[in-house]
């Protein structure tokens, strides 16, 4: 059981680290938007690169924050019944949801995004717009990375639920 708890802790520490990165990206996005608004409406100047940077940062935030959101149990769900379940019933729902929905969805997205990402890397894709950002292939690589992080957190949540079922739950205070 200690091995599973250690694995859960390591996975969740990795996901928490990605959450800290996302926090800084969010601050950067706010600063970029403020800069864009200022230059556009005060200085009457605009930049394709700045607009694309906003989109790219938002995409990265969305992709990387999904795993953190799963870790914190903040994804949208209908809690009408779930909130009334016992801890073991909640664990069963987590196990079933992970096996039936989360893992297959993540695997499909990861596998189906790979040709898209590989093609982008092969041609070193950049923005087609004049003045746009280079290195778009790096952004596209975040698609399988983000879903891999969600898959990892799904494994940690699954293992947590299994430990609840066997009567040896992970301390909630041990979460990063």
N, C-alpha and C. Protein backbone atom coordinates (compact mmCIF):
# COMPACT_ATOMS: atom_id res chain seq x y z
N UNK A 1 0.82 -1.19 0.00
CA UNK A 1 0.00 0.00 0.00
C UNK A 1 0.86 1.26 0.00
N UNK A 2 2.00 1.19 0.67
CA UNK A 2 2.89 2.36 0.71
C UNK A 2 3.42 2.70 -0.67
N UNK A 3 3.65 1.67 -1.49
CA UNK A 3 4.13 1.91 -2.85
C UNK A 3 3.08 2.68 -3.65
N UNK A 4 1.82 2.28 -3.52
CA UNK A 4 0.74 2.98 -4.22
C UNK A 4 0.62 4.42 -3.73
N UNK A 5 0.69 4.59 -2.41
CA UNK A 5 0.60 5.95 -1.85
C UNK A 5 1.76 6.82 -2.32
N UNK A 6 2.93 6.21 -2.41
CA UNK A 6 4.10 6.95 -2.90
C UNK A 6 3.92 7.33 -4.37
N UNK A 7 3.41 6.40 -5.17
CA UNK A 7 3.16 6.68 -6.59
C UNK A 7 2.14 7.80 -6.75
N UNK A 8 1.06 7.73 -5.97
CA UNK A 8 0.04 8.78 -6.01
C UNK A 8 0.67 10.13 -5.66
N UNK A 9 1.48 10.15 -4.63
CA UNK A 9 2.13 11.39 -4.21
C UNK A 9 3.04 11.96 -5.29
N UNK A 10 3.78 11.09 -5.95
CA UNK A 10 4.69 11.56 -7.01
C UNK A 10 3.91 12.10 -8.22
N UNK A 11 2.88 11.38 -8.61
CA UNK A 11 2.06 11.85 -9.74
C UNK A 11 1.43 13.19 -9.40
N UNK A 12 0.85 13.28 -8.22
CA UNK A 12 0.16 14.52 -7.85
C UNK A 12 1.12 15.67 -7.63
N UNK A 13 2.34 15.39 -7.23
CA UNK A 13 3.35 16.46 -7.13
C UNK A 13 3.70 16.99 -8.52
N UNK A 14 3.79 16.09 -9.48
CA UNK A 14 4.06 16.49 -10.87
C UNK A 14 2.93 17.35 -11.41
N UNK A 15 1.70 16.94 -11.14
CA UNK A 15 0.54 17.69 -11.61
C UNK A 15 0.47 19.05 -10.90
N UNK A 16 0.77 19.08 -9.62
CA UNK A 16 0.78 20.35 -8.88
C UNK A 16 1.84 21.29 -9.44
N UNK A 17 2.98 20.74 -9.84
CA UNK A 17 4.03 21.56 -10.45
C UNK A 17 3.53 22.18 -11.75
N UNK A 18 2.84 21.37 -12.56
CA UNK A 18 2.29 21.93 -13.81
C UNK A 18 1.27 23.01 -13.49
N UNK A 19 0.56 22.88 -12.37
CA UNK A 19 -0.38 23.90 -11.95
C UNK A 19 0.30 25.21 -11.60
N UNK A 20 1.47 25.12 -10.97
CA UNK A 20 2.23 26.34 -10.67
C UNK A 20 2.70 27.02 -11.95
N UNK A 21 3.10 26.22 -12.93
CA UNK A 21 3.50 26.79 -14.22
C UNK A 21 2.30 27.50 -14.86
N UNK A 22 1.13 26.86 -14.81
CA UNK A 22 -0.08 27.44 -15.38
C UNK A 22 -0.43 28.76 -14.67
N UNK A 23 -0.22 28.81 -13.37
CA UNK A 23 -0.49 30.06 -12.63
C UNK A 23 0.32 31.21 -13.19
N UNK A 24 1.60 30.97 -13.43
CA UNK A 24 2.46 32.01 -13.99
C UNK A 24 2.07 32.34 -15.43
N UNK A 25 1.67 31.33 -16.18
CA UNK A 25 1.21 31.58 -17.56
C UNK A 25 -0.04 32.45 -17.56
N UNK A 26 -0.90 32.23 -16.58
CA UNK A 26 -2.13 33.03 -16.49
C UNK A 26 -1.79 34.49 -16.21
N UNK A 27 -0.85 34.72 -15.31
CA UNK A 27 -0.41 36.09 -15.04
C UNK A 27 0.19 36.71 -16.31
N UNK A 28 1.00 35.94 -17.01
CA UNK A 28 1.59 36.42 -18.26
C UNK A 28 0.50 36.76 -19.28
N UNK A 29 -0.52 35.91 -19.37
CA UNK A 29 -1.62 36.17 -20.29
C UNK A 29 -2.32 37.48 -19.96
N UNK A 30 -2.56 37.72 -18.69
CA UNK A 30 -3.20 38.98 -18.28
C UNK A 30 -2.35 40.17 -18.70
N UNK A 31 -1.04 40.07 -18.47
CA UNK A 31 -0.15 41.17 -18.86
C UNK A 31 -0.13 41.39 -20.37
N UNK A 32 -0.13 40.30 -21.12
CA UNK A 32 -0.14 40.41 -22.58
C UNK A 32 -1.44 41.05 -23.07
N UNK A 33 -2.56 40.67 -22.47
CA UNK A 33 -3.85 41.26 -22.87
C UNK A 33 -3.88 42.75 -22.53
N UNK A 34 -3.39 43.11 -21.35
CA UNK A 34 -3.34 44.54 -20.97
C UNK A 34 -2.48 45.30 -21.98
N UNK A 35 -1.33 44.74 -22.32
CA UNK A 35 -0.45 45.37 -23.30
C UNK A 35 -1.16 45.52 -24.65
N UNK A 36 -1.84 44.46 -25.07
CA UNK A 36 -2.54 44.48 -26.36
C UNK A 36 -3.63 45.56 -26.36
N UNK A 37 -4.41 45.62 -25.30
CA UNK A 37 -5.49 46.62 -25.22
C UNK A 37 -4.89 48.02 -25.22
N UNK A 38 -3.83 48.22 -24.45
CA UNK A 38 -3.20 49.55 -24.38
C UNK A 38 -2.67 49.97 -25.75
N UNK A 39 -1.92 49.08 -26.40
CA UNK A 39 -1.34 49.47 -27.70
C UNK A 39 -2.42 49.65 -28.76
N UNK A 40 -3.47 48.86 -28.69
CA UNK A 40 -4.51 48.94 -29.71
C UNK A 40 -5.37 50.19 -29.54
N UNK A 41 -5.82 50.46 -28.31
CA UNK A 41 -6.80 51.53 -28.13
C UNK A 41 -6.18 52.87 -27.72
N UNK A 42 -5.00 52.84 -27.14
CA UNK A 42 -4.35 54.10 -26.76
C UNK A 42 -3.36 54.55 -27.83
N UNK A 43 -2.57 53.60 -28.32
CA UNK A 43 -1.54 53.94 -29.30
C UNK A 43 -1.99 53.68 -30.74
N UNK A 44 -3.17 53.15 -30.91
CA UNK A 44 -3.71 52.81 -32.24
C UNK A 44 -2.76 51.93 -33.05
N UNK A 45 -2.15 50.99 -32.36
CA UNK A 45 -1.24 50.03 -33.01
C UNK A 45 -1.68 48.63 -32.61
N UNK A 46 -1.48 47.69 -33.51
CA UNK A 46 -1.79 46.31 -33.16
C UNK A 46 -0.70 45.40 -33.69
N UNK A 47 -0.66 44.22 -33.12
CA UNK A 47 0.37 43.26 -33.50
C UNK A 47 -0.24 41.88 -33.62
N UNK A 48 -0.03 41.27 -34.76
CA UNK A 48 -0.50 39.90 -34.96
C UNK A 48 0.19 38.97 -33.96
N UNK A 49 1.47 39.19 -33.74
CA UNK A 49 2.23 38.33 -32.82
C UNK A 49 1.66 38.40 -31.41
N UNK A 50 1.28 39.59 -30.96
CA UNK A 50 0.71 39.73 -29.61
C UNK A 50 -0.63 39.01 -29.52
N UNK A 51 -1.46 39.16 -30.54
CA UNK A 51 -2.75 38.46 -30.54
C UNK A 51 -2.55 36.94 -30.55
N UNK A 52 -1.61 36.47 -31.35
CA UNK A 52 -1.35 35.03 -31.38
C UNK A 52 -0.77 34.55 -30.05
N UNK A 53 0.05 35.38 -29.41
CA UNK A 53 0.58 35.01 -28.10
C UNK A 53 -0.55 34.83 -27.10
N UNK A 54 -1.56 35.68 -27.16
CA UNK A 54 -2.73 35.52 -26.29
C UNK A 54 -3.39 34.16 -26.54
N UNK A 55 -3.61 33.82 -27.79
CA UNK A 55 -4.26 32.55 -28.13
C UNK A 55 -3.40 31.37 -27.70
N UNK A 56 -2.12 31.48 -27.93
CA UNK A 56 -1.22 30.37 -27.59
C UNK A 56 -1.16 30.17 -26.08
N UNK A 57 -1.06 31.26 -25.33
CA UNK A 57 -1.04 31.14 -23.87
C UNK A 57 -2.35 30.55 -23.36
N UNK A 58 -3.47 31.00 -23.92
CA UNK A 58 -4.76 30.46 -23.49
C UNK A 58 -4.83 28.95 -23.77
N UNK A 59 -4.37 28.55 -24.94
CA UNK A 59 -4.38 27.12 -25.29
C UNK A 59 -3.52 26.32 -24.32
N UNK A 60 -2.33 26.82 -24.01
CA UNK A 60 -1.45 26.13 -23.07
C UNK A 60 -2.08 26.06 -21.68
N UNK A 61 -2.67 27.16 -21.25
CA UNK A 61 -3.33 27.17 -19.93
C UNK A 61 -4.44 26.14 -19.89
N UNK A 62 -5.26 26.12 -20.91
CA UNK A 62 -6.37 25.17 -20.96
C UNK A 62 -5.86 23.73 -20.94
N UNK A 63 -4.88 23.43 -21.78
CA UNK A 63 -4.38 22.06 -21.88
C UNK A 63 -3.68 21.60 -20.61
N UNK A 64 -2.88 22.47 -20.01
CA UNK A 64 -2.10 22.07 -18.84
C UNK A 64 -2.91 22.14 -17.55
N UNK A 65 -3.94 22.97 -17.51
CA UNK A 65 -4.74 23.10 -16.29
C UNK A 65 -5.77 21.99 -16.14
N UNK A 66 -6.06 21.28 -17.19
CA UNK A 66 -7.08 20.22 -17.12
C UNK A 66 -6.72 19.16 -16.08
N UNK A 67 -5.45 18.79 -16.01
CA UNK A 67 -5.02 17.79 -15.03
C UNK A 67 -5.11 18.32 -13.61
N UNK A 68 -4.76 19.58 -13.42
CA UNK A 68 -4.85 20.20 -12.10
C UNK A 68 -6.31 20.28 -11.66
N UNK A 69 -7.17 20.62 -12.60
CA UNK A 69 -8.60 20.70 -12.30
C UNK A 69 -9.13 19.34 -11.89
N UNK A 70 -8.68 18.29 -12.54
CA UNK A 70 -9.07 16.93 -12.16
C UNK A 70 -8.53 16.60 -10.77
N UNK A 71 -7.29 16.97 -10.50
CA UNK A 71 -6.69 16.71 -9.20
C UNK A 71 -7.48 17.37 -8.07
N UNK A 72 -7.93 18.58 -8.31
CA UNK A 72 -8.68 19.34 -7.29
C UNK A 72 -10.16 18.99 -7.29
N UNK A 73 -10.57 18.07 -8.17
CA UNK A 73 -11.96 17.62 -8.28
C UNK A 73 -12.89 18.79 -8.58
N UNK A 74 -12.49 19.63 -9.54
CA UNK A 74 -13.26 20.83 -9.87
C UNK A 74 -13.86 20.79 -11.27
N UNK A 75 -13.80 19.66 -11.95
CA UNK A 75 -14.45 19.56 -13.24
C UNK A 75 -15.97 19.58 -13.03
N UNK A 76 -16.67 20.03 -14.03
CA UNK A 76 -18.13 20.13 -13.95
C UNK A 76 -18.72 18.73 -13.84
N UNK A 77 -19.66 18.60 -12.90
CA UNK A 77 -20.34 17.32 -12.75
C UNK A 77 -21.68 17.58 -12.08
N UNK A 78 -22.61 16.71 -12.28
CA UNK A 78 -23.92 16.83 -11.64
C UNK A 78 -23.82 16.17 -10.27
N UNK A 79 -23.87 17.00 -9.24
CA UNK A 79 -23.67 16.51 -7.88
C UNK A 79 -24.96 16.17 -7.14
N UNK A 80 -26.07 16.10 -7.84
CA UNK A 80 -27.35 15.83 -7.18
C UNK A 80 -27.28 14.52 -6.40
N UNK A 81 -26.77 13.48 -7.02
CA UNK A 81 -26.66 12.18 -6.35
C UNK A 81 -25.29 12.00 -5.71
N UNK A 82 -24.25 12.39 -6.43
CA UNK A 82 -22.87 12.13 -6.00
C UNK A 82 -22.59 12.69 -4.61
N UNK A 83 -23.10 13.87 -4.32
CA UNK A 83 -22.82 14.50 -3.03
C UNK A 83 -23.42 13.71 -1.87
N UNK A 84 -24.39 12.88 -2.15
CA UNK A 84 -25.04 12.07 -1.10
C UNK A 84 -24.40 10.69 -0.95
N UNK A 85 -23.49 10.35 -1.84
CA UNK A 85 -22.85 9.03 -1.79
C UNK A 85 -21.87 8.94 -0.64
N UNK A 86 -21.68 7.70 -0.17
CA UNK A 86 -20.63 7.44 0.82
C UNK A 86 -19.27 7.51 0.11
N UNK A 87 -18.21 7.52 0.90
CA UNK A 87 -16.87 7.59 0.30
C UNK A 87 -16.60 6.38 -0.60
N UNK A 88 -17.09 5.20 -0.20
CA UNK A 88 -16.88 4.01 -1.03
C UNK A 88 -17.69 4.08 -2.32
N UNK A 89 -18.89 4.62 -2.26
CA UNK A 89 -19.68 4.78 -3.48
C UNK A 89 -19.02 5.80 -4.42
N UNK A 90 -18.50 6.88 -3.85
CA UNK A 90 -17.78 7.87 -4.66
C UNK A 90 -16.55 7.23 -5.30
N UNK A 91 -15.88 6.36 -4.55
CA UNK A 91 -14.71 5.67 -5.09
C UNK A 91 -15.11 4.78 -6.27
N UNK A 92 -16.23 4.09 -6.15
CA UNK A 92 -16.71 3.25 -7.26
C UNK A 92 -17.04 4.08 -8.49
N UNK A 93 -17.64 5.24 -8.29
CA UNK A 93 -17.95 6.14 -9.42
C UNK A 93 -16.65 6.60 -10.07
N UNK A 94 -15.66 6.94 -9.26
CA UNK A 94 -14.37 7.38 -9.79
C UNK A 94 -13.71 6.27 -10.60
N UNK A 95 -13.73 5.06 -10.07
CA UNK A 95 -13.12 3.93 -10.77
C UNK A 95 -13.84 3.67 -12.10
N UNK A 96 -15.16 3.63 -12.06
CA UNK A 96 -15.93 3.38 -13.29
C UNK A 96 -15.72 4.50 -14.30
N UNK A 97 -15.78 5.73 -13.85
CA UNK A 97 -15.59 6.87 -14.75
C UNK A 97 -14.21 6.90 -15.37
N UNK A 98 -13.22 6.54 -14.57
CA UNK A 98 -11.85 6.53 -15.07
C UNK A 98 -11.67 5.46 -16.13
N UNK A 99 -12.16 4.26 -15.84
CA UNK A 99 -11.99 3.14 -16.77
C UNK A 99 -12.85 3.31 -18.04
N UNK A 100 -14.09 3.73 -17.86
CA UNK A 100 -15.02 3.79 -18.99
C UNK A 100 -14.88 5.05 -19.84
N UNK A 101 -14.50 6.16 -19.22
CA UNK A 101 -14.51 7.43 -19.96
C UNK A 101 -13.15 8.12 -20.04
N UNK A 102 -12.54 8.37 -18.90
CA UNK A 102 -11.33 9.18 -18.87
C UNK A 102 -10.17 8.54 -19.63
N UNK A 103 -9.85 7.31 -19.30
CA UNK A 103 -8.71 6.65 -19.96
C UNK A 103 -8.95 6.49 -21.46
N UNK A 104 -10.10 5.95 -21.89
CA UNK A 104 -10.28 5.83 -23.35
C UNK A 104 -10.23 7.18 -24.07
N UNK A 105 -10.85 8.21 -23.49
CA UNK A 105 -10.85 9.51 -24.14
C UNK A 105 -9.44 10.06 -24.26
N UNK A 106 -8.67 10.00 -23.18
CA UNK A 106 -7.30 10.50 -23.22
C UNK A 106 -6.45 9.73 -24.22
N UNK A 107 -6.59 8.42 -24.25
CA UNK A 107 -5.82 7.60 -25.18
C UNK A 107 -6.18 7.95 -26.62
N UNK A 108 -7.46 8.10 -26.90
CA UNK A 108 -7.89 8.46 -28.27
C UNK A 108 -7.31 9.82 -28.67
N UNK A 109 -7.39 10.80 -27.78
CA UNK A 109 -6.87 12.13 -28.11
C UNK A 109 -5.36 12.09 -28.31
N UNK A 110 -4.66 11.40 -27.43
CA UNK A 110 -3.20 11.32 -27.55
C UNK A 110 -2.81 10.65 -28.87
N UNK A 111 -3.40 9.50 -29.14
CA UNK A 111 -3.05 8.76 -30.37
C UNK A 111 -3.45 9.54 -31.62
N UNK A 112 -4.66 10.09 -31.62
CA UNK A 112 -5.12 10.78 -32.83
C UNK A 112 -4.42 12.13 -33.04
N UNK A 113 -3.86 12.71 -31.99
CA UNK A 113 -3.15 13.98 -32.16
C UNK A 113 -1.71 13.79 -32.63
N UNK A 114 -1.18 12.61 -32.49
CA UNK A 114 0.23 12.40 -32.82
C UNK A 114 0.56 12.68 -34.29
N UNK A 115 -0.21 12.21 -35.27
CA UNK A 115 0.12 12.55 -36.66
C UNK A 115 0.05 14.06 -36.91
N UNK A 116 -0.92 14.70 -36.31
CA UNK A 116 -1.09 16.15 -36.41
C UNK A 116 0.15 16.87 -35.86
N UNK A 117 0.61 16.43 -34.70
CA UNK A 117 1.79 17.02 -34.05
C UNK A 117 3.05 16.68 -34.85
N UNK A 118 3.18 15.43 -35.27
CA UNK A 118 4.37 15.03 -36.04
C UNK A 118 4.49 15.82 -37.34
N UNK A 119 3.38 16.00 -38.02
CA UNK A 119 3.40 16.77 -39.26
C UNK A 119 3.83 18.21 -38.99
N UNK A 120 3.33 18.76 -37.93
CA UNK A 120 3.69 20.13 -37.57
C UNK A 120 5.19 20.24 -37.27
N UNK A 121 5.74 19.24 -36.59
CA UNK A 121 7.18 19.24 -36.28
C UNK A 121 8.01 19.02 -37.55
N UNK A 122 7.53 18.15 -38.44
CA UNK A 122 8.30 17.86 -39.66
C UNK A 122 8.48 19.11 -40.52
N UNK A 123 7.46 19.95 -40.57
CA UNK A 123 7.56 21.15 -41.39
C UNK A 123 7.95 22.38 -40.57
N UNK A 124 8.21 22.16 -39.27
CA UNK A 124 8.54 23.27 -38.36
C UNK A 124 7.52 24.40 -38.52
N UNK A 125 6.26 24.02 -38.35
CA UNK A 125 5.15 24.93 -38.60
C UNK A 125 5.26 26.22 -37.81
N UNK A 126 4.93 27.30 -38.48
CA UNK A 126 4.84 28.60 -37.83
C UNK A 126 3.55 29.26 -38.29
N UNK A 127 3.31 30.45 -37.82
CA UNK A 127 2.08 31.16 -38.18
C UNK A 127 2.06 31.45 -39.68
N UNK A 128 0.92 31.26 -40.32
CA UNK A 128 0.82 31.61 -41.74
C UNK A 128 0.63 33.12 -41.95
N UNK A 129 0.36 33.83 -40.86
CA UNK A 129 0.11 35.27 -40.97
C UNK A 129 1.41 36.06 -40.93
N UNK A 130 1.51 37.09 -41.75
CA UNK A 130 2.69 37.96 -41.70
C UNK A 130 2.79 38.61 -40.32
N UNK A 131 3.94 38.52 -39.72
CA UNK A 131 4.13 39.08 -38.38
C UNK A 131 3.67 38.15 -37.27
N UNK A 132 3.24 36.94 -37.63
CA UNK A 132 2.79 35.98 -36.63
C UNK A 132 3.96 35.29 -35.94
N UNK A 133 3.63 34.48 -34.97
CA UNK A 133 4.65 33.81 -34.17
C UNK A 133 5.23 32.59 -34.89
N UNK A 134 6.52 32.38 -34.75
CA UNK A 134 7.11 31.13 -35.24
C UNK A 134 6.87 30.02 -34.21
N UNK A 135 7.34 28.85 -34.49
CA UNK A 135 7.35 27.73 -33.54
C UNK A 135 5.95 27.26 -33.13
N UNK A 136 4.99 27.30 -34.04
CA UNK A 136 3.65 26.80 -33.72
C UNK A 136 3.69 25.31 -33.41
N UNK A 137 4.67 24.61 -33.97
CA UNK A 137 4.79 23.17 -33.72
C UNK A 137 4.99 22.88 -32.23
N UNK A 138 5.61 23.79 -31.50
CA UNK A 138 5.77 23.60 -30.05
C UNK A 138 4.42 23.65 -29.34
N UNK A 139 3.59 24.57 -29.75
CA UNK A 139 2.25 24.69 -29.17
C UNK A 139 1.44 23.42 -29.43
N UNK A 140 1.51 22.91 -30.64
CA UNK A 140 0.73 21.71 -30.98
C UNK A 140 1.20 20.49 -30.19
N UNK A 141 2.46 20.47 -29.80
CA UNK A 141 2.97 19.37 -28.98
C UNK A 141 2.33 19.36 -27.60
N UNK A 142 1.76 20.47 -27.20
CA UNK A 142 1.11 20.54 -25.89
C UNK A 142 -0.19 19.73 -25.85
N UNK A 143 -0.74 19.40 -27.00
CA UNK A 143 -1.99 18.63 -27.02
C UNK A 143 -1.79 17.24 -26.39
N UNK A 144 -0.88 16.41 -26.92
CA UNK A 144 -0.70 15.11 -26.26
C UNK A 144 -0.12 15.24 -24.85
N UNK A 145 0.71 16.25 -24.63
CA UNK A 145 1.28 16.44 -23.29
C UNK A 145 0.18 16.73 -22.28
N UNK A 146 -0.72 17.64 -22.63
CA UNK A 146 -1.82 17.98 -21.72
C UNK A 146 -2.70 16.79 -21.41
N UNK A 147 -3.03 16.01 -22.43
CA UNK A 147 -3.89 14.85 -22.20
C UNK A 147 -3.14 13.73 -21.49
N UNK A 148 -1.82 13.66 -21.68
CA UNK A 148 -1.04 12.69 -20.91
C UNK A 148 -1.07 13.06 -19.43
N UNK A 149 -0.98 14.35 -19.12
CA UNK A 149 -1.07 14.78 -17.72
C UNK A 149 -2.44 14.46 -17.13
N UNK A 150 -3.50 14.64 -17.91
CA UNK A 150 -4.84 14.27 -17.43
C UNK A 150 -4.90 12.77 -17.18
N UNK A 151 -4.32 11.99 -18.09
CA UNK A 151 -4.28 10.54 -17.93
C UNK A 151 -3.52 10.15 -16.67
N UNK A 152 -2.38 10.80 -16.45
CA UNK A 152 -1.60 10.53 -15.23
C UNK A 152 -2.42 10.83 -13.98
N UNK A 153 -3.08 11.98 -13.96
CA UNK A 153 -3.89 12.32 -12.80
C UNK A 153 -5.05 11.36 -12.66
N UNK A 154 -5.58 10.89 -13.78
CA UNK A 154 -6.63 9.88 -13.73
C UNK A 154 -6.15 8.60 -13.07
N UNK A 155 -4.92 8.21 -13.36
CA UNK A 155 -4.32 7.03 -12.71
C UNK A 155 -4.22 7.27 -11.20
N UNK A 156 -3.77 8.45 -10.81
CA UNK A 156 -3.65 8.76 -9.39
C UNK A 156 -5.02 8.75 -8.71
N UNK A 157 -6.02 9.32 -9.35
CA UNK A 157 -7.38 9.34 -8.79
C UNK A 157 -7.94 7.92 -8.70
N UNK A 158 -7.67 7.11 -9.72
CA UNK A 158 -8.09 5.71 -9.73
C UNK A 158 -7.46 4.97 -8.55
N UNK A 159 -6.15 5.13 -8.37
CA UNK A 159 -5.46 4.45 -7.28
C UNK A 159 -5.96 4.93 -5.92
N UNK A 160 -6.22 6.22 -5.80
CA UNK A 160 -6.80 6.77 -4.56
C UNK A 160 -8.13 6.07 -4.25
N UNK A 161 -8.96 5.92 -5.29
CA UNK A 161 -10.27 5.30 -5.12
C UNK A 161 -10.13 3.83 -4.73
N UNK A 162 -9.19 3.13 -5.33
CA UNK A 162 -8.94 1.73 -4.97
C UNK A 162 -8.55 1.63 -3.50
N UNK A 163 -7.69 2.52 -3.05
CA UNK A 163 -7.27 2.51 -1.64
C UNK A 163 -8.44 2.80 -0.70
N UNK A 164 -9.37 3.64 -1.12
CA UNK A 164 -10.57 3.89 -0.32
C UNK A 164 -11.38 2.59 -0.21
N UNK A 165 -11.52 1.88 -1.33
CA UNK A 165 -12.31 0.64 -1.33
C UNK A 165 -11.70 -0.44 -0.44
N UNK A 166 -10.38 -0.51 -0.40
CA UNK A 166 -9.74 -1.54 0.43
C UNK A 166 -9.56 -1.09 1.87
N UNK A 167 -10.05 0.10 2.18
CA UNK A 167 -10.00 0.57 3.57
C UNK A 167 -8.69 1.18 4.01
N UNK A 168 -7.88 1.61 3.07
CA UNK A 168 -6.59 2.22 3.41
C UNK A 168 -6.42 3.53 2.62
N UNK A 169 -7.32 4.51 2.85
CA UNK A 169 -7.28 5.72 2.02
C UNK A 169 -6.03 6.56 2.25
N UNK A 170 -5.68 7.31 1.21
CA UNK A 170 -4.57 8.26 1.32
C UNK A 170 -5.08 9.45 2.10
N UNK A 171 -4.28 9.92 3.04
CA UNK A 171 -4.64 11.12 3.79
C UNK A 171 -4.88 12.27 2.85
N UNK A 172 -5.97 12.98 3.02
CA UNK A 172 -6.23 14.13 2.15
C UNK A 172 -5.22 15.24 2.42
N UNK A 173 -4.60 15.23 3.59
CA UNK A 173 -3.58 16.25 3.90
C UNK A 173 -2.27 15.97 3.19
N UNK A 174 -2.10 14.75 2.67
CA UNK A 174 -0.85 14.42 1.98
C UNK A 174 -0.86 14.88 0.53
N UNK A 175 -2.01 15.41 0.09
CA UNK A 175 -2.08 15.92 -1.28
C UNK A 175 -1.23 17.17 -1.39
N UNK A 176 -0.53 17.33 -2.53
CA UNK A 176 0.31 18.51 -2.69
C UNK A 176 -0.50 19.79 -2.77
